[in-house]
Amino acid sequence: MNKTRSARMHIRNAVLFLCPLLMLNACASKSELVVVADDVKRLKTDTETVRSQSAASYSDVQLVRDEVAQLKGNLDEMAYQNKQTFGRLGLEDSLIVHKLDAIETRLSRIEQQLGSGSAKTSSQAAAYSGVSSQPVVVQTAKALLGDGIQKLESGSYAAAREIFALLMQSHPSSDLVDDAQFYIAESYFSEKWYEKAVLEYQTVIAKYTKSNKRPAALYKQALAFEQLGDAVNAKARFRDVMNVYPFSPEAALAKKKML
């Protein structure tokens, strides 16, 4: 009996001892649940914040993409406009040359009809030589070119052009005709009549495609465009020199201009 009573006492004491512990544990569990609930709530808030920031970031990225697409469109449009401009320049090149040829042909026909073609040549040669009363033999193309260059270097631009024009008229089959045309352009450039120089250089470029003066004509035409404030056509001509005549002295000068 004593043993049984003692066992019961031990059980009762154990229960009395464990009850507070269980109650404390229960309270602790409730506190932990509250903390966990707060953490979950905070996590949801943080998640929403991240989602909002992600949406804003995506919006920014999309905005950048739209701007890039717009810039690409602008570049494509500029490239197309430049292509149209260069194509138009090439067309104008051909038209100018055709117009010049047509004018020369009409002048020749008029002179032939009036019977003054040969008389004009003789009078020009006489005026150039300083003898007006007697007809003289026109000088060689080489001599005329040399005299024209001398006039050009001395600043007598109009007189130089007359000599170069005489060379081209009296020796149309000479291999110095393209040189004469180039120096006519040079005379206008020296006079700072850049619009006229552009046209005269263009005749060399378009009409005398095998001329050794063509690289210089391209380069000097670019300089004339520069003086006229036409940077687009100037750069186009500098590129032409570098692309078509990469080993010429003018290509090296054009490359410096493009830097």
C-alpha atoms as a PDB file:
ATOM      1  CA  MET A   1       0.000   0.000   0.000  1.00  0.00           C
ATOM      2  CA  ASN A   2       2.774   2.358   0.879  1.00  0.00           C
ATOM      3  CA  LYS A   3       4.438   1.678  -2.443  1.00  0.00           C
ATOM      4  CA  THR A   4       1.222   2.330  -4.342  1.00  0.00           C
ATOM      5  CA  ARG A   5       0.618   5.555  -2.460  1.00  0.00           C
ATOM      6  CA  SER A   6       4.184   6.631  -3.108  1.00  0.00           C
ATOM      7  CA  ALA A   7       3.828   5.947  -6.829  1.00  0.00           C
ATOM      8  CA  ARG A   8       0.671   8.002  -6.959  1.00  0.00           C
ATOM      9  CA  MET A   9       2.416  10.846  -5.221  1.00  0.00           C
ATOM     10  CA  HIS A  10       5.211  10.752  -7.750  1.00  0.00           C
ATOM     11  CA  ILE A  11       2.768  10.800 -10.653  1.00  0.00           C
ATOM     12  CA  ARG A  12       0.836  13.724  -9.148  1.00  0.00           C
ATOM     13  CA  ASN A  13       4.040  15.666  -8.555  1.00  0.00           C
ATOM     14  CA  ALA A  14       5.181  14.979 -12.108  1.00  0.00           C
ATOM     15  CA  VAL A  15       1.852  16.183 -13.497  1.00  0.00           C
ATOM     16  CA  LEU A  16       2.009  19.310 -11.358  1.00  0.00           C
ATOM     17  CA  PHE A  17       5.546  19.914 -12.594  1.00  0.00           C
ATOM     18  CA  LEU A  18       4.786  19.322 -16.267  1.00  0.00           C
ATOM     19  CA  CYS A  19       1.618  21.408 -16.491  1.00  0.00           C
ATOM     20  CA  PRO A  20       3.394  24.777 -16.234  1.00  0.00           C
ATOM     21  CA  LEU A  21       5.930  23.601 -18.745  1.00  0.00           C
ATOM     22  CA  LEU A  22       3.214  22.600 -21.186  1.00  0.00           C
ATOM     23  CA  MET A  23       1.450  25.891 -20.666  1.00  0.00           C
ATOM     24  CA  LEU A  24       4.706  27.803 -21.267  1.00  0.00           C
ATOM     25  CA  ASN A  25       5.366  25.722 -24.364  1.00  0.00           C
ATOM     26  CA  ALA A  26       1.885  26.479 -25.642  1.00  0.00           C
ATOM     27  CA  CYS A  27       2.429  30.174 -25.054  1.00  0.00           C
ATOM     28  CA  ALA A  28       5.776  29.999 -26.781  1.00  0.00           C
ATOM     29  CA  SER A  29       4.227  28.231 -29.744  1.00  0.00           C
ATOM     30  CA  LYS A  30       1.590  30.978 -30.050  1.00  0.00           C
ATOM     31  CA  SER A  31       4.322  33.651 -29.943  1.00  0.00           C
ATOM     32  CA  GLU A  32       6.281  31.839 -32.602  1.00  0.00           C
ATOM     33  CA  LEU A  33       3.177  31.612 -34.748  1.00  0.00           C
ATOM     34  CA  VAL A  34       2.661  35.357 -34.430  1.00  0.00           C
ATOM     35  CA  VAL A  35       6.284  35.951 -35.423  1.00  0.00           C
ATOM     36  CA  VAL A  36       5.936  33.581 -38.338  1.00  0.00           C
ATOM     37  CA  ALA A  37       2.737  35.293 -39.391  1.00  0.00           C
ATOM     38  CA  ASP A  38       4.497  38.653 -39.263  1.00  0.00           C
ATOM     39  CA  ASP A  39       7.351  37.244 -41.317  1.00  0.00           C
ATOM     40  CA  VAL A  40       4.937  35.898 -43.886  1.00  0.00           C
ATOM     41  CA  LYS A  41       3.150  39.238 -44.044  1.00  0.00           C
ATOM     42  CA  ARG A  42       6.473  41.062 -44.427  1.00  0.00           C
ATOM     43  CA  LEU A  43       7.535  38.583 -47.095  1.00  0.00           C
ATOM     44  CA  LYS A  44       4.320  39.214 -49.020  1.00  0.00           C
ATOM     45  CA  THR A  45       4.883  42.956 -48.773  1.00  0.00           C
ATOM     46  CA  ASP A  46       8.473  42.561 -49.971  1.00  0.00           C
ATOM     47  CA  THR A  47       7.278  40.349 -52.814  1.00  0.00           C
ATOM     48  CA  GLU A  48       4.764  42.966 -53.924  1.00  0.00           C
ATOM     49  CA  THR A  49       7.465  45.615 -53.744  1.00  0.00           C
ATOM     50  CA  VAL A  50       9.795  43.489 -55.835  1.00  0.00           C
ATOM     51  CA  ARG A  51       7.021  42.880 -58.329  1.00  0.00           C
ATOM     52  CA  SER A  52       6.332  46.616 -58.569  1.00  0.00           C
ATOM     53  CA  GLN A  53      10.031  47.345 -59.024  1.00  0.00           C
ATOM     54  CA  SER A  54      10.288  44.576 -61.631  1.00  0.00           C
ATOM     55  CA  ALA A  55       7.331  46.036 -63.498  1.00  0.00           C
ATOM     56  CA  ALA A  56       8.933  49.473 -63.419  1.00  0.00           C
ATOM     57  CA  SER A  57      12.256  48.029 -64.549  1.00  0.00           C
ATOM     58  CA  TYR A  58      10.548  46.183 -67.389  1.00  0.00           C
ATOM     59  CA  SER A  59       8.821  49.399 -68.343  1.00  0.00           C
ATOM     60  CA  ASP A  60      12.196  51.193 -68.390  1.00  0.00           C
ATOM     61  CA  VAL A  61      13.746  48.420 -70.453  1.00  0.00           C
ATOM     62  CA  GLN A  62      10.864  48.562 -72.906  1.00  0.00           C
ATOM     63  CA  LEU A  63      11.241  52.329 -73.108  1.00  0.00           C
ATOM     64  CA  VAL A  64      14.947  51.948 -73.919  1.00  0.00           C
ATOM     65  CA  ARG A  65      14.109  49.343 -76.547  1.00  0.00           C
ATOM     66  CA  ASP A  66      11.582  51.708 -78.116  1.00  0.00           C
ATOM     67  CA  GLU A  67      14.179  54.505 -78.170  1.00  0.00           C
ATOM     68  CA  VAL A  68      16.755  52.194 -79.764  1.00  0.00           C
ATOM     69  CA  ALA A  69      14.217  51.150 -82.393  1.00  0.00           C
ATOM     70  CA  GLN A  70      13.437  54.815 -83.093  1.00  0.00           C
ATOM     71  CA  LEU A  71      17.133  55.648 -83.414  1.00  0.00           C
ATOM     72  CA  LYS A  72      17.632  52.715 -85.774  1.00  0.00           C
ATOM     73  CA  GLY A  73      14.719  53.965 -87.841  1.00  0.00           C
ATOM     74  CA  ASN A  74      16.251  57.431 -87.974  1.00  0.00           C
ATOM     75  CA  LEU A  75      19.600  55.974 -89.051  1.00  0.00           C
ATOM     76  CA  ASP A  76      17.950  53.919 -91.764  1.00  0.00           C
ATOM     77  CA  GLU A  77      16.103  57.002 -92.989  1.00  0.00           C
ATOM     78  CA  MET A  78      19.332  59.034 -93.007  1.00  0.00           C
ATOM     79  CA  ALA A  79      21.127  56.266 -94.912  1.00  0.00           C
ATOM     80  CA  TYR A  80      18.299  56.204 -97.464  1.00  0.00           C
ATOM     81  CA  GLN A  81      18.369  59.991 -97.834  1.00  0.00           C
ATOM     82  CA  ASN A  82      22.152  59.945 -98.271  1.00  0.00           C
ATOM     83  CA  LYS A  83      21.824  57.229-100.880  1.00  0.00           C
ATOM     84  CA  GLN A  84      19.224  59.298-102.676  1.00  0.00           C
ATOM     85  CA  THR A  85      21.464  62.368-102.455  1.00  0.00           C
ATOM     86  CA  PHE A  86      24.499  60.526-103.845  1.00  0.00           C
ATOM     87  CA  GLY A  87      22.402  58.959-106.539  1.00  0.00           C
ATOM     88  CA  ARG A  88      21.016  62.345-107.423  1.00  0.00           C
ATOM     89  CA  LEU A  89      24.546  63.744-107.522  1.00  0.00           C
ATOM     90  CA  GLY A  90      25.564  61.031-109.979  1.00  0.00           C
ATOM     91  CA  LEU A  91      22.533  61.801-112.122  1.00  0.00           C
ATOM     92  CA  GLU A  92      23.372  65.505-112.017  1.00  0.00           C
ATOM     93  CA  ASP A  93      26.924  64.630-113.058  1.00  0.00           C
ATOM     94  CA  SER A  94      25.658  62.977-116.218  1.00  0.00           C
ATOM     95  CA  LEU A  95      23.150  65.728-116.929  1.00  0.00           C
ATOM     96  CA  ILE A  96      25.800  68.442-116.617  1.00  0.00           C
ATOM     97  CA  VAL A  97      28.130  66.673-119.017  1.00  0.00           C
ATOM     98  CA  HIS A  98      25.318  66.071-121.505  1.00  0.00           C
ATOM     99  CA  LYS A  99      24.315  69.713-121.307  1.00  0.00           C
ATOM    100  CA  LEU A 100      27.879  70.850-121.884  1.00  0.00           C
ATOM    101  CA  ASP A 101      28.247  68.498-124.851  1.00  0.00           C
ATOM    102  CA  ALA A 102      24.961  69.717-126.268  1.00  0.00           C
ATOM    103  CA  ILE A 103      26.011  73.365-125.930  1.00  0.00           C
ATOM    104  CA  GLU A 104      29.361  72.665-127.599  1.00  0.00           C
ATOM    105  CA  THR A 105      27.634  70.836-130.445  1.00  0.00           C
ATOM    106  CA  ARG A 106      25.173  73.688-131.001  1.00  0.00           C
ATOM    107  CA  LEU A 107      27.969  76.249-130.988  1.00  0.00           C
ATOM    108  CA  SER A 108      29.926  74.227-133.533  1.00  0.00           C
ATOM    109  CA  ARG A 109      26.909  73.971-135.813  1.00  0.00           C
ATOM    110  CA  ILE A 110      26.211  77.700-135.569  1.00  0.00           C
ATOM    111  CA  GLU A 111      29.841  78.483-136.393  1.00  0.00           C
ATOM    112  CA  GLN A 112      29.765  76.134-139.358  1.00  0.00           C
ATOM    113  CA  GLN A 113      26.541  77.681-140.643  1.00  0.00           C
ATOM    114  CA  LEU A 114      27.960  81.167-140.350  1.00  0.00           C
ATOM    115  CA  GLY A 115      31.241  80.077-141.900  1.00  0.00           C
ATOM    116  CA  SER A 116      33.127  81.608-139.005  1.00  0.00           C
ATOM    117  CA  GLY A 117      34.580  78.517-137.401  1.00  0.00           C
ATOM    118  CA  SER A 118      37.981  78.731-139.046  1.00  0.00           C
ATOM    119  CA  ALA A 119      38.032  82.523-138.950  1.00  0.00           C
ATOM    120  CA  LYS A 120      37.408  82.470-135.205  1.00  0.00           C
ATOM    121  CA  THR A 121      40.238  80.038-134.603  1.00  0.00           C
ATOM    122  CA  SER A 122      42.602  82.181-136.648  1.00  0.00           C
ATOM    123  CA  SER A 123      41.527  85.380-134.903  1.00  0.00           C
ATOM    124  CA  GLN A 124      42.007  83.786-131.484  1.00  0.00           C
ATOM    125  CA  ALA A 125      45.433  82.540-132.431  1.00  0.00           C
ATOM    126  CA  ALA A 126      46.326  85.969-133.810  1.00  0.00           C
ATOM    127  CA  ALA A 127      45.074  87.723-130.696  1.00  0.00           C
ATOM    128  CA  TYR A 128      47.043  85.314-128.514  1.00  0.00           C
ATOM    129  CA  SER A 129      50.222  85.773-130.544  1.00  0.00           C
ATOM    130  CA  GLY A 130      49.802  89.554-130.609  1.00  0.00           C
ATOM    131  CA  VAL A 131      49.491  89.725-134.423  1.00  0.00           C
ATOM    132  CA  SER A 132      46.123  90.817-135.769  1.00  0.00           C
ATOM    133  CA  SER A 133      46.799  91.597-139.433  1.00  0.00           C
ATOM    134  CA  GLN A 134      48.201  88.284-140.640  1.00  0.00           C
ATOM    135  CA  PRO A 135      46.889  84.759-139.999  1.00  0.00           C
ATOM    136  CA  VAL A 136      49.269  82.559-138.065  1.00  0.00           C
ATOM    137  CA  VAL A 137      49.643  78.858-137.498  1.00  0.00           C
ATOM    138  CA  VAL A 138      48.130  77.730-134.209  1.00  0.00           C
ATOM    139  CA  GLN A 139      50.768  76.543-131.727  1.00  0.00           C
ATOM    140  CA  THR A 140      51.057  72.969-130.605  1.00  0.00           C
ATOM    141  CA  ALA A 141      48.869  71.713-127.791  1.00  0.00           C
ATOM    142  CA  LYS A 142      51.899  71.316-125.531  1.00  0.00           C
ATOM    143  CA  ALA A 143      53.010  74.891-126.140  1.00  0.00           C
ATOM    144  CA  LEU A 144      49.522  76.238-125.519  1.00  0.00           C
ATOM    145  CA  LEU A 145      49.205  74.233-122.304  1.00  0.00           C
ATOM    146  CA  GLY A 146      52.531  75.548-121.049  1.00  0.00           C
ATOM    147  CA  ASP A 147      51.603  79.146-121.837  1.00  0.00           C
ATOM    148  CA  GLY A 148      48.196  78.712-120.221  1.00  0.00           C
ATOM    149  CA  ILE A 149      49.728  77.348-117.022  1.00  0.00           C
ATOM    150  CA  GLN A 150      52.153  80.268-116.965  1.00  0.00           C
ATOM    151  CA  LYS A 151      49.253  82.716-117.232  1.00  0.00           C
ATOM    152  CA  LEU A 152      47.420  80.820-114.502  1.00  0.00           C
ATOM    153  CA  GLU A 153      50.368  80.940-112.110  1.00  0.00           C
ATOM    154  CA  SER A 154      50.798  84.669-112.714  1.00  0.00           C
ATOM    155  CA  GLY A 155      47.175  85.314-111.759  1.00  0.00           C
ATOM    156  CA  SER A 156      45.916  86.109-115.273  1.00  0.00           C
ATOM    157  CA  TYR A 157      42.983  83.754-114.930  1.00  0.00           C
ATOM    158  CA  ALA A 158      40.810  84.986-117.796  1.00  0.00           C
ATOM    159  CA  ALA A 159      43.766  85.001-120.195  1.00  0.00           C
ATOM    160  CA  ALA A 160      44.713  81.500-119.074  1.00  0.00           C
ATOM    161  CA  ARG A 161      41.186  80.247-119.748  1.00  0.00           C
ATOM    162  CA  GLU A 162      41.277  81.686-123.260  1.00  0.00           C
ATOM    163  CA  ILE A 163      44.480  79.785-124.020  1.00  0.00           C
ATOM    164  CA  PHE A 164      43.128  76.541-122.555  1.00  0.00           C
ATOM    165  CA  ALA A 165      39.911  76.958-124.545  1.00  0.00           C
ATOM    166  CA  LEU A 166      41.979  77.572-127.703  1.00  0.00           C
ATOM    167  CA  LEU A 167      43.904  74.366-127.049  1.00  0.00           C
ATOM    168  CA  MET A 168      40.691  72.370-126.680  1.00  0.00           C
ATOM    169  CA  GLN A 169      39.196  73.882-129.818  1.00  0.00           C
ATOM    170  CA  SER A 170      42.235  73.730-132.078  1.00  0.00           C
ATOM    171  CA  HIS A 171      43.479  70.333-130.851  1.00  0.00           C
ATOM    172  CA  PRO A 172      40.321  68.378-129.931  1.00  0.00           C
ATOM    173  CA  SER A 173      42.073  65.027-130.361  1.00  0.00           C
ATOM    174  CA  SER A 174      45.062  65.897-128.196  1.00  0.00           C
ATOM    175  CA  ASP A 175      45.736  63.908-125.041  1.00  0.00           C
ATOM    176  CA  LEU A 176      46.185  67.289-123.303  1.00  0.00           C
ATOM    177  CA  VAL A 177      42.550  68.327-123.679  1.00  0.00           C
ATOM    178  CA  ASP A 178      41.673  66.902-120.261  1.00  0.00           C
ATOM    179  CA  ASP A 179      44.588  68.832-118.736  1.00  0.00           C
ATOM    180  CA  ALA A 180      43.286  72.042-120.295  1.00  0.00           C
ATOM    181  CA  GLN A 181      39.825  71.356-118.866  1.00  0.00           C
ATOM    182  CA  PHE A 182      41.315  70.703-115.431  1.00  0.00           C
ATOM    183  CA  TYR A 183      43.249  73.964-115.467  1.00  0.00           C
ATOM    184  CA  ILE A 184      40.143  75.859-116.488  1.00  0.00           C
ATOM    185  CA  ALA A 185      38.555  74.523-113.303  1.00  0.00           C
ATOM    186  CA  GLU A 186      41.689  75.483-111.383  1.00  0.00           C
ATOM    187  CA  SER A 187      41.429  79.069-112.640  1.00  0.00           C
ATOM    188  CA  TYR A 188      37.915  79.405-111.240  1.00  0.00           C
ATOM    189  CA  PHE A 189      38.989  77.814-107.949  1.00  0.00           C
ATOM    190  CA  SER A 190      41.866  80.298-107.701  1.00  0.00           C
ATOM    191  CA  GLU A 191      39.409  83.129-108.274  1.00  0.00           C
ATOM    192  CA  LYS A 192      37.245  81.666-105.457  1.00  0.00           C
ATOM    193  CA  TRP A 193      34.386  81.238-107.886  1.00  0.00           C
ATOM    194  CA  TYR A 194      33.655  77.860-106.303  1.00  0.00           C
ATOM    195  CA  GLU A 195      30.273  77.187-107.919  1.00  0.00           C
ATOM    196  CA  LYS A 196      31.827  77.466-111.384  1.00  0.00           C
ATOM    197  CA  ALA A 197      34.866  75.463-110.267  1.00  0.00           C
ATOM    198  CA  VAL A 198      32.600  72.598-109.139  1.00  0.00           C
ATOM    199  CA  LEU A 199      31.023  72.428-112.603  1.00  0.00           C
ATOM    200  CA  GLU A 200      34.345  72.564-114.447  1.00  0.00           C
ATOM    201  CA  TYR A 201      35.894  69.886-112.208  1.00  0.00           C
ATOM    202  CA  GLN A 202      32.788  67.809-112.847  1.00  0.00           C
ATOM    203  CA  THR A 203      33.493  67.874-116.574  1.00  0.00           C
ATOM    204  CA  VAL A 204      36.909  66.338-115.910  1.00  0.00           C
ATOM    205  CA  ILE A 205      35.378  63.733-113.555  1.00  0.00           C
ATOM    206  CA  ALA A 206      32.518  62.659-115.795  1.00  0.00           C
ATOM    207  CA  LYS A 207      33.859  63.230-119.314  1.00  0.00           C
ATOM    208  CA  TYR A 208      37.521  62.271-118.986  1.00  0.00           C
ATOM    209  CA  THR A 209      37.258  59.126-116.894  1.00  0.00           C
ATOM    210  CA  LYS A 210      40.745  57.895-117.899  1.00  0.00           C
ATOM    211  CA  SER A 211      42.456  61.201-117.218  1.00  0.00           C
ATOM    212  CA  ASN A 212      45.382  61.334-114.845  1.00  0.00           C
ATOM    213  CA  LYS A 213      43.863  64.595-113.595  1.00  0.00           C
ATOM    214  CA  ARG A 214      40.714  62.873-112.371  1.00  0.00           C
ATOM    215  CA  PRO A 215      41.933  62.168-108.779  1.00  0.00           C
ATOM    216  CA  ALA A 216      42.973  65.806-108.432  1.00  0.00           C
ATOM    217  CA  ALA A 217      39.645  66.936-109.898  1.00  0.00           C
ATOM    218  CA  LEU A 218      37.735  64.842-107.343  1.00  0.00           C
ATOM    219  CA  TYR A 219      39.811  66.177-104.476  1.00  0.00           C
ATOM    220  CA  LYS A 220      39.672  69.816-105.581  1.00  0.00           C
ATOM    221  CA  GLN A 221      35.936  69.541-106.179  1.00  0.00           C
ATOM    222  CA  ALA A 222      35.581  68.326-102.588  1.00  0.00           C
ATOM    223  CA  LEU A 223      37.525  71.387-101.432  1.00  0.00           C
ATOM    224  CA  ALA A 224      35.234  73.602-103.490  1.00  0.00           C
ATOM    225  CA  PHE A 225      32.192  71.981-101.859  1.00  0.00           C
ATOM    226  CA  GLU A 226      33.803  72.670 -98.486  1.00  0.00           C
ATOM    227  CA  GLN A 227      34.185  76.332 -99.350  1.00  0.00           C
ATOM    228  CA  LEU A 228      30.520  76.428-100.327  1.00  0.00           C
ATOM    229  CA  GLY A 229      29.529  74.928 -96.965  1.00  0.00           C
ATOM    230  CA  ASP A 230      28.318  71.684 -98.542  1.00  0.00           C
ATOM    231  CA  ALA A 231      29.853  69.175 -96.102  1.00  0.00           C
ATOM    232  CA  VAL A 232      27.806  66.219 -97.384  1.00  0.00           C
ATOM    233  CA  ASN A 233      29.043  66.404-100.973  1.00  0.00           C
ATOM    234  CA  ALA A 234      32.553  67.308 -99.816  1.00  0.00           C
ATOM    235  CA  LYS A 235      32.786  64.124 -97.727  1.00  0.00           C
ATOM    236  CA  ALA A 236      31.272  62.102-100.559  1.00  0.00           C
ATOM    237  CA  ARG A 237      34.002  63.303-102.949  1.00  0.00           C
ATOM    238  CA  PHE A 238      36.746  62.684-100.378  1.00  0.00           C
ATOM    239  CA  ARG A 239      35.459  59.110-100.043  1.00  0.00           C
ATOM    240  CA  ASP A 240      35.396  58.765-103.839  1.00  0.00           C
ATOM    241  CA  VAL A 241      39.068  59.701-104.016  1.00  0.00           C
ATOM    242  CA  MET A 242      40.006  57.180-101.322  1.00  0.00           C
ATOM    243  CA  ASN A 243      37.887  54.389-102.822  1.00  0.00           C
ATOM    244  CA  VAL A 244      38.638  54.852-106.523  1.00  0.00           C
ATOM    245  CA  TYR A 245      42.251  56.045-106.276  1.00  0.00           C
ATOM    246  CA  PRO A 246      43.480  54.642-102.924  1.00  0.00           C
ATOM    247  CA  PHE A 247      47.184  54.939-103.819  1.00  0.00           C
ATOM    248  CA  SER A 248      47.087  58.473-105.183  1.00  0.00           C
ATOM    249  CA  PRO A 249      48.547  61.472-103.318  1.00  0.00           C
ATOM    250  CA  GLU A 250      45.051  62.960-103.292  1.00  0.00           C
ATOM    251  CA  ALA A 251      43.724  59.906-101.415  1.00  0.00           C
ATOM    252  CA  ALA A 252      46.221  60.544 -98.615  1.00  0.00           C
ATOM    253  CA  LEU A 253      45.105  64.184 -98.450  1.00  0.00           C
ATOM    254  CA  ALA A 254      41.435  63.161 -98.476  1.00  0.00           C
ATOM    255  CA  LYS A 255      42.047  60.703 -95.634  1.00  0.00           C
ATOM    256  CA  LYS A 256      43.421  63.531 -93.476  1.00  0.00           C
ATOM    257  CA  LYS A 257      40.344  65.570 -94.275  1.00  0.00           C
ATOM    258  CA  MET A 258      38.082  62.753 -93.063  1.00  0.00           C
ATOM    259  CA  LEU A 259      39.815  62.402 -89.675  1.00  0.00           C
END
